[in-house]
Amino acid sequence: MEISPHDLLQIHVKPYEKELTSWALQSLNKAPWVVVRRDETTNIPVGIRGHKRNQRLAFEISLQDVIKKVTPYHIFKQKMWERLPVERKSLTGIKALSHIYQQYPTLPFGVGGSVGFECVTHQESIQKTSDLDLLLYLPEKVSQENLQQWQLFFEKYPVHIDVQIITLGGGFSLQEWLNKTTRTILVKTKSGPVLVEDPWKIEGKR
């Protein structure tokens, strides 16, 4: 099983019960899902989400304890937000996501953050102030004109849309790339953040 940052993993919780904080265990017993994070470890580096914003725990799990994987790309392509209850579909982030799909159904988007988590787990994670976190998978460089066009499109929505470009080497902010005033940009890679001039020239670190 190939596992990448931002993937959501359903896991067996029992092997980790003694290692977890009370809130983390309570959260996983309710929804046994974790988010893959970037780190160089022998196991799978994940993050555990609690019910409060300040409840986030960096953790590691074994591959043998993974039951199921859902990628951000799968959430977008399968329109998983359509399976949410009617009242949750009325949230600003979900309405924006649905409209983005209608406008760009073939673009390789993924859905992350609280919106992606709720789409998969059906646990109420989206707040009124939540951003819509999107991933845009671009293994090959695209024109600056296209990137600017997409950013202007996202800025029309009443919810803040945070787009991260995912290349073969890592991930970086679309907005930071377009607004940068220096030659370099910060790219998040598996081995840590790095400053580079061309994020498409980093390989094998995603």
Protein backbone atom coordinates (compact mmCIF):
# COMPACT_ATOMS: atom_id res chain seq x y z
CA MET A 1 0.00 0.00 0.00
CA GLU A 2 1.46 3.34 -1.07
CA ILE A 3 0.86 6.01 1.55
CA SER A 4 1.38 9.75 1.02
CA PRO A 5 1.02 12.89 3.15
CA HIS A 6 -2.60 14.02 3.64
CA ASP A 7 -4.00 10.50 3.12
CA LEU A 8 -6.65 9.50 5.65
CA LEU A 9 -6.16 6.10 7.25
CA GLN A 10 -8.68 4.04 9.16
CA ILE A 11 -6.76 2.12 11.82
CA HIS A 12 -6.97 -0.46 14.57
CA VAL A 13 -6.94 1.60 17.76
CA LYS A 14 -6.44 -1.13 20.37
CA PRO A 15 -2.63 -1.57 19.90
CA TYR A 16 -2.12 2.11 20.82
CA GLU A 17 -4.56 2.56 23.70
CA LYS A 18 -1.84 2.75 26.37
CA GLU A 19 0.22 5.32 24.42
CA LEU A 20 -2.51 7.84 23.67
CA THR A 21 -3.74 10.83 25.63
CA SER A 22 -7.31 10.60 26.92
CA TRP A 23 -8.69 13.03 24.34
CA ALA A 24 -6.88 11.28 21.47
CA LEU A 25 -8.19 7.88 22.53
CA GLN A 26 -11.70 9.26 22.90
CA SER A 27 -11.49 10.82 19.44
CA LEU A 28 -10.22 7.62 17.80
CA ASN A 29 -12.82 5.47 19.52
CA LYS A 30 -15.45 7.70 17.95
CA ALA A 31 -13.80 7.87 14.52
CA PRO A 32 -10.70 5.66 14.08
CA TRP A 33 -9.12 7.83 11.38
CA VAL A 34 -5.72 9.56 11.27
CA VAL A 35 -4.07 11.90 8.76
CA VAL A 36 -0.66 11.07 7.26
CA ARG A 37 1.93 13.78 7.88
CA ARG A 38 5.40 14.42 6.46
CA ASP A 39 8.27 12.99 8.49
CA GLU A 40 11.12 10.52 8.15
CA THR A 41 10.28 7.63 10.46
CA THR A 42 10.44 3.85 10.35
CA ASN A 43 6.66 3.68 10.84
CA ILE A 44 3.88 5.78 9.33
CA PRO A 45 3.84 9.36 10.71
CA VAL A 46 0.27 10.50 11.36
CA GLY A 47 -1.68 13.22 13.08
CA ILE A 48 -4.66 12.66 15.36
CA ARG A 49 -7.42 15.26 15.38
CA GLY A 50 -9.42 16.02 18.51
CA HIS A 51 -12.70 17.86 18.84
CA LYS A 52 -10.98 21.14 19.70
CA ARG A 53 -8.63 23.16 17.48
CA ASN A 54 -5.76 22.79 19.93
CA GLN A 55 -6.13 19.01 20.08
CA ARG A 56 -3.63 17.72 17.54
CA LEU A 57 -1.21 14.90 18.26
CA ALA A 58 1.78 13.76 16.18
CA PHE A 59 1.97 9.98 16.35
CA GLU A 60 3.28 6.91 14.53
CA ILE A 61 1.49 3.75 13.53
CA SER A 62 2.43 0.44 11.94
CA LEU A 63 1.31 -0.46 8.43
CA GLN A 64 -0.23 -3.68 9.75
CA ASP A 65 -2.73 -1.63 11.75
CA VAL A 66 -4.10 0.20 8.69
CA ILE A 67 -7.57 -0.99 7.70
CA LYS A 68 -8.38 1.42 4.87
CA LYS A 69 -6.90 4.38 3.01
CA VAL A 70 -8.74 7.31 1.44
CA THR A 71 -6.73 9.85 -0.54
CA PRO A 72 -7.61 13.56 -0.87
CA TYR A 73 -7.83 12.98 -4.63
CA HIS A 74 -10.43 10.23 -4.08
CA ILE A 75 -12.52 12.58 -1.91
CA PHE A 76 -12.69 15.08 -4.78
CA LYS A 77 -13.20 12.63 -7.63
CA GLN A 78 -15.90 10.68 -5.79
CA LYS A 79 -17.62 13.88 -4.58
CA MET A 80 -17.73 12.43 -1.07
CA TRP A 81 -19.27 15.62 0.34
CA GLU A 82 -22.52 14.61 -1.35
CA ARG A 83 -22.91 11.83 1.25
CA LEU A 84 -23.00 14.30 4.14
CA PRO A 85 -26.28 15.23 5.88
CA VAL A 86 -28.24 18.04 4.24
CA GLU A 87 -27.47 20.56 6.98
CA ARG A 88 -23.72 19.99 6.60
CA LYS A 89 -23.90 20.46 2.83
CA SER A 90 -25.09 24.01 3.46
CA LEU A 91 -21.76 24.98 5.06
CA THR A 92 -19.85 27.59 3.07
CA GLY A 93 -16.81 25.36 2.57
CA ILE A 94 -18.87 22.46 1.25
CA LYS A 95 -20.86 24.69 -1.11
CA ALA A 96 -17.61 26.18 -2.44
CA LEU A 97 -16.13 22.71 -2.91
CA SER A 98 -19.18 21.55 -4.84
CA HIS A 99 -19.00 24.58 -7.13
CA ILE A 100 -15.26 24.13 -7.72
CA TYR A 101 -15.94 20.56 -8.81
CA GLN A 102 -18.57 21.80 -11.26
CA GLN A 103 -16.11 24.29 -12.75
CA TYR A 104 -12.98 22.10 -12.77
CA PRO A 105 -14.07 18.43 -12.63
CA THR A 106 -11.00 17.18 -14.50
CA LEU A 107 -8.31 19.06 -12.57
CA PRO A 108 -6.35 16.78 -10.19
CA PHE A 109 -7.59 18.31 -6.93
CA GLY A 110 -7.59 16.75 -3.50
CA VAL A 111 -9.48 17.79 -0.37
CA GLY A 112 -7.65 18.11 2.94
CA GLY A 113 -8.09 19.72 6.35
CA SER A 114 -11.33 19.65 8.31
CA VAL A 115 -13.46 19.46 5.15
CA GLY A 116 -11.68 16.35 3.89
CA PHE A 117 -11.81 14.78 7.35
CA GLU A 118 -15.55 15.30 7.69
CA CYS A 119 -16.24 14.05 4.17
CA VAL A 120 -14.61 10.73 5.06
CA THR A 121 -15.52 10.24 8.72
CA HIS A 122 -18.85 12.12 8.89
CA GLN A 123 -17.65 13.53 12.21
CA GLU A 124 -18.52 17.23 12.48
CA SER A 125 -15.11 18.87 12.05
CA ILE A 126 -15.88 21.94 9.92
CA GLN A 127 -16.37 25.21 11.79
CA LYS A 128 -17.87 28.40 10.39
CA THR A 129 -14.37 29.89 10.31
CA SER A 130 -12.71 26.81 8.76
CA ASP A 131 -10.66 27.22 5.59
CA LEU A 132 -11.19 25.00 2.60
CA ASP A 133 -7.85 23.20 2.17
CA LEU A 134 -7.27 21.99 -1.38
CA LEU A 135 -4.36 20.07 -2.85
CA LEU A 136 -3.53 20.46 -6.52
CA TYR A 137 -1.38 17.61 -7.84
CA LEU A 138 1.00 19.00 -10.45
CA PRO A 139 3.96 16.66 -11.05
CA GLU A 140 4.95 18.81 -14.03
CA LYS A 141 5.30 22.58 -14.09
CA VAL A 142 2.41 24.63 -15.46
CA SER A 143 2.36 28.21 -16.68
CA GLN A 144 2.29 31.12 -14.27
CA GLU A 145 -0.74 32.37 -16.16
CA ASN A 146 -2.72 29.23 -15.31
CA LEU A 147 -1.74 29.43 -11.65
CA GLN A 148 -2.78 33.09 -11.46
CA GLN A 149 -6.09 32.31 -13.16
CA TRP A 150 -6.86 29.59 -10.60
CA GLN A 151 -5.92 31.79 -7.65
CA LEU A 152 -8.19 34.60 -8.87
CA PHE A 153 -10.99 32.07 -9.22
CA PHE A 154 -10.52 30.84 -5.63
CA GLU A 155 -10.51 34.38 -4.25
CA LYS A 156 -14.11 34.91 -5.39
CA TYR A 157 -15.49 32.61 -2.68
CA PRO A 158 -16.66 33.79 0.76
CA VAL A 159 -14.55 31.07 2.40
CA HIS A 160 -10.74 31.27 2.47
CA ILE A 161 -9.37 28.63 0.11
CA ASP A 162 -5.84 27.49 0.89
CA VAL A 163 -4.35 25.69 -2.11
CA GLN A 164 -1.21 23.62 -1.77
CA ILE A 165 0.58 22.55 -4.93
CA ILE A 166 1.83 18.96 -4.67
CA THR A 167 4.81 18.06 -6.86
CA LEU A 168 6.95 14.92 -6.96
CA GLY A 169 9.21 16.48 -4.34
CA GLY A 170 6.83 18.10 -1.86
CA GLY A 171 4.17 20.71 -1.33
CA PHE A 172 4.03 24.51 -1.35
CA SER A 173 1.45 27.27 -1.12
CA LEU A 174 -0.02 28.52 -4.40
CA GLN A 175 -0.58 31.97 -2.92
CA GLU A 176 2.99 32.19 -1.60
CA TRP A 177 4.36 31.14 -4.99
CA LEU A 178 2.42 33.87 -6.79
CA ASN A 179 3.18 36.57 -4.22
CA LYS A 180 6.82 35.76 -3.47
CA THR A 181 9.26 38.66 -3.51
CA THR A 182 12.43 36.57 -3.42
CA ARG A 183 13.80 33.93 -5.79
CA THR A 184 13.05 31.07 -3.42
CA ILE A 185 9.96 29.49 -1.88
CA LEU A 186 9.46 27.21 1.12
CA VAL A 187 8.60 23.64 0.11
CA LYS A 188 7.48 21.03 2.64
CA THR A 189 9.25 17.73 1.97
CA LYS A 190 9.47 14.40 3.74
CA SER A 191 12.84 15.37 5.21
CA GLY A 192 11.64 18.82 6.31
CA PRO A 193 11.04 22.29 4.83
CA VAL A 194 13.53 23.55 2.24
CA LEU A 195 13.97 26.81 0.35
CA VAL A 196 14.26 26.29 -3.40
CA GLU A 197 14.01 28.34 -6.58
CA ASP A 198 12.09 25.71 -8.55
CA PRO A 199 9.87 23.35 -6.51
CA TRP A 200 9.39 21.10 -9.52
CA LYS A 201 13.07 20.16 -9.48
CA ILE A 202 12.90 18.40 -6.09
CA GLU A 203 12.45 14.67 -6.48
CA GLY A 204 11.65 11.77 -4.22
CA LYS A 205 11.01 13.67 -0.99
CA ARG A 206 7.27 14.24 -1.04
